[in-house]
Amino acid sequence: MAVNHHNGTAYDLSLFEPARKKKPKDDRFDKPRDNRLIKLDTGKNQKAQRKRYSPLTIISVSLIGIAIASVSAMIVYNFGVLNELNEQIQSVNRTIENQNNLEAQYQLKIDSKLTTEIVQDYAENKLGMTPAKSGQKKFVELADGDNGKIIRDDSKNSLLDVLKKVFNVS
């Protein structure tokens, strides 16, 4: 048998068990518990706990906020202007359409009142004109190989035309 030098304390497993909790005494009536109360000074404590921001941070955040607000205001303003311009374009398009319709109506009225017979009668009786006879008509024929060349160009050339001439782009 081996001799135990620690008097058997090494085999005492009760040392490894969790400690047992003692039942709390009901001393509510015995002692006042003033030591557990914490009094807070609301004014000074809240100021001390508040995070302090540097003036640079405050100014930069303010400037960013102003920039975002101004860009948003400009976007809204531009949408309003765009809407007004679209309404003006639609109004002008309606006016153009009405004018085209009036032109077509007037052209129909003119065509119905001025037939070729009426025009020919007016030219013969009032103006003293006569219809052209076949002997008076002269036909001109052009050969297929005739080409015209511009010798002097009086039109003003734009920058794009000059660049086309430089690079020989057609």
Protein backbone atom coordinates (compact mmCIF):
# COMPACT_ATOMS: atom_id res chain seq x y z
CA MET A 1 0.00 0.00 0.00
CA ALA A 2 1.12 3.38 -0.81
CA VAL A 3 1.50 5.89 1.88
CA ASN A 4 -0.55 9.02 1.46
CA HIS A 5 1.40 12.02 2.61
CA HIS A 6 -1.56 14.41 2.41
CA ASN A 7 -3.79 12.52 4.74
CA GLY A 8 -6.20 11.53 2.04
CA THR A 9 -6.98 15.07 0.91
CA ALA A 10 -6.10 14.26 -2.67
CA TYR A 11 -9.01 11.85 -2.78
CA ASP A 12 -11.44 14.33 -1.31
CA LEU A 13 -13.72 15.10 -4.29
CA SER A 14 -15.83 17.52 -2.33
CA LEU A 15 -13.21 20.17 -3.03
CA PHE A 16 -14.16 20.06 -6.72
CA GLU A 17 -17.90 20.39 -6.21
CA PRO A 18 -19.51 23.81 -6.59
CA ALA A 19 -19.95 25.68 -3.37
CA ARG A 20 -23.38 25.51 -1.88
CA LYS A 21 -25.25 28.72 -1.62
CA LYS A 22 -26.30 29.77 1.78
CA LYS A 23 -29.85 30.80 2.30
CA PRO A 24 -30.06 34.54 2.55
CA LYS A 25 -31.26 35.84 5.82
CA ASP A 26 -34.37 37.86 5.79
CA ASP A 27 -32.88 40.96 7.29
CA ARG A 28 -35.20 43.45 5.63
CA PHE A 29 -36.53 44.29 8.98
CA ASP A 30 -33.25 44.16 10.83
CA LYS A 31 -31.11 46.75 8.96
CA PRO A 32 -31.92 49.46 6.49
CA ARG A 33 -30.21 48.95 3.15
CA ASP A 34 -29.16 52.50 2.36
CA ASN A 35 -25.83 51.37 1.00
CA ARG A 36 -27.50 49.79 -2.07
CA LEU A 37 -29.22 52.98 -3.26
CA ILE A 38 -27.51 55.05 -5.92
CA LYS A 39 -28.45 58.65 -6.27
CA LEU A 40 -28.00 60.18 -9.71
CA ASP A 41 -27.43 63.83 -10.33
CA THR A 42 -29.33 64.15 -13.60
CA GLY A 43 -27.98 67.47 -14.86
CA LYS A 44 -24.26 67.00 -14.38
CA ASN A 45 -24.20 63.29 -15.12
CA GLN A 46 -25.99 63.55 -18.49
CA LYS A 47 -23.67 66.32 -19.63
CA ALA A 48 -20.67 64.24 -18.66
CA GLN A 49 -21.97 61.14 -20.47
CA ARG A 50 -22.83 62.95 -23.70
CA LYS A 51 -20.33 62.53 -26.51
CA ARG A 52 -18.66 65.76 -27.55
CA TYR A 53 -18.19 66.39 -31.27
CA SER A 54 -15.42 68.47 -32.66
CA PRO A 55 -16.35 71.69 -34.49
CA LEU A 56 -14.75 70.35 -37.68
CA THR A 57 -17.09 67.34 -37.64
CA ILE A 58 -20.12 69.54 -37.02
CA ILE A 59 -19.18 71.93 -39.84
CA SER A 60 -18.41 69.13 -42.32
CA VAL A 61 -21.68 67.29 -41.61
CA SER A 62 -23.58 70.58 -41.91
CA LEU A 63 -21.95 71.38 -45.25
CA ILE A 64 -22.69 67.90 -46.58
CA GLY A 65 -26.32 68.25 -45.47
CA ILE A 66 -26.60 71.65 -47.17
CA ALA A 67 -25.04 70.24 -50.36
CA ILE A 68 -27.48 67.31 -50.42
CA ALA A 69 -30.44 69.63 -49.80
CA SER A 70 -29.35 72.04 -52.53
CA VAL A 71 -28.80 69.23 -55.08
CA SER A 72 -32.23 67.83 -54.23
CA ALA A 73 -33.80 71.28 -54.65
CA MET A 74 -32.06 71.73 -58.00
CA ILE A 75 -33.32 68.34 -59.20
CA VAL A 76 -36.90 69.21 -58.24
CA TYR A 77 -36.58 72.65 -59.90
CA ASN A 78 -35.17 71.10 -63.10
CA PHE A 79 -38.02 68.59 -63.25
CA GLY A 80 -40.48 71.49 -62.96
CA VAL A 81 -38.76 73.43 -65.75
CA LEU A 82 -38.63 70.30 -67.91
CA ASN A 83 -42.35 69.76 -67.36
CA GLU A 84 -43.13 73.36 -68.38
CA LEU A 85 -40.98 73.05 -71.51
CA ASN A 86 -42.69 69.78 -72.46
CA GLU A 87 -46.07 71.47 -72.10
CA GLN A 88 -44.90 74.33 -74.33
CA ILE A 89 -43.62 71.85 -76.92
CA GLN A 90 -46.94 70.02 -76.89
CA SER A 91 -48.79 73.32 -77.29
CA VAL A 92 -46.62 74.33 -80.26
CA ASN A 93 -47.05 70.86 -81.81
CA ARG A 94 -50.84 71.21 -81.50
CA THR A 95 -50.64 74.65 -83.12
CA ILE A 96 -48.53 73.28 -85.99
CA GLU A 97 -50.96 70.42 -86.48
CA ASN A 98 -53.89 72.86 -86.57
CA GLN A 99 -52.07 75.05 -89.10
CA ASN A 100 -51.30 72.02 -91.29
CA ASN A 101 -54.96 71.05 -91.18
CA LEU A 102 -55.97 74.60 -92.17
CA GLU A 103 -53.46 74.53 -95.02
CA ALA A 104 -54.93 71.27 -96.30
CA GLN A 105 -58.46 72.71 -96.06
CA TYR A 106 -57.51 75.88 -97.94
CA GLN A 107 -55.65 73.90 -100.58
CA LEU A 108 -58.76 71.77 -101.14
CA LYS A 109 -60.89 74.91 -101.46
CA ILE A 110 -58.42 76.43 -103.92
CA ASP A 111 -58.23 73.21 -105.92
CA SER A 112 -62.01 72.96 -106.06
CA LYS A 113 -62.42 76.58 -107.19
CA LEU A 114 -59.46 76.72 -109.61
CA THR A 115 -59.79 73.90 -112.06
CA THR A 116 -57.60 73.72 -115.16
CA GLU A 117 -60.49 74.82 -117.33
CA ILE A 118 -61.08 77.94 -115.25
CA VAL A 119 -57.38 78.82 -115.30
CA GLN A 120 -57.14 78.23 -119.07
CA ASP A 121 -60.26 80.32 -119.71
CA TYR A 122 -58.91 83.17 -117.55
CA ALA A 123 -55.53 83.07 -119.31
CA GLU A 124 -57.12 83.11 -122.80
CA ASN A 125 -59.87 85.67 -122.20
CA LYS A 126 -58.46 88.08 -119.64
CA LEU A 127 -54.73 87.87 -120.26
CA GLY A 128 -54.77 87.17 -123.98
CA MET A 129 -52.61 84.11 -123.78
CA THR A 130 -52.80 81.14 -126.14
CA PRO A 131 -51.86 77.53 -125.51
CA ALA A 132 -48.44 76.46 -126.76
CA LYS A 133 -48.37 74.61 -130.06
CA SER A 134 -46.15 71.66 -130.81
CA GLY A 135 -43.92 73.81 -133.05
CA GLN A 136 -43.23 76.13 -130.19
CA LYS A 137 -42.04 73.35 -127.93
CA LYS A 138 -38.35 72.55 -127.92
CA PHE A 139 -36.95 69.54 -126.09
CA VAL A 140 -33.40 69.56 -124.78
CA GLU A 141 -31.50 66.34 -124.31
CA LEU A 142 -28.55 65.90 -122.01
CA ALA A 143 -25.89 63.31 -122.62
CA ASP A 144 -25.31 60.79 -119.88
CA GLY A 145 -21.63 61.68 -119.55
CA ASP A 146 -22.11 65.38 -118.82
CA ASN A 147 -20.83 66.35 -115.41
CA GLY A 148 -20.81 69.67 -113.70
CA LYS A 149 -17.90 70.84 -111.56
CA ILE A 150 -17.92 73.59 -109.00
CA ILE A 151 -15.04 75.93 -109.74
CA ARG A 152 -15.50 78.31 -106.84
CA ASP A 153 -17.39 77.41 -103.67
CA ASP A 154 -18.91 80.47 -102.03
CA SER A 155 -20.42 78.58 -99.10
CA LYS A 156 -18.75 78.81 -95.73
CA ASN A 157 -17.11 75.62 -94.57
CA SER A 158 -17.52 74.43 -91.05
CA LEU A 159 -14.77 72.87 -88.99
CA LEU A 160 -16.18 69.42 -89.75
CA ASP A 161 -16.01 70.08 -93.52
CA VAL A 162 -12.38 71.22 -93.23
CA LEU A 163 -11.48 68.10 -91.29
CA LYS A 164 -13.20 65.92 -93.91
CA LYS A 165 -11.14 67.58 -96.63
CA VAL A 166 -7.93 67.10 -94.64
CA PHE A 167 -8.54 63.41 -94.04
CA ASN A 168 -10.31 62.80 -97.39
CA VAL A 169 -13.37 61.31 -95.76
CA SER A 170 -16.44 61.19 -97.92
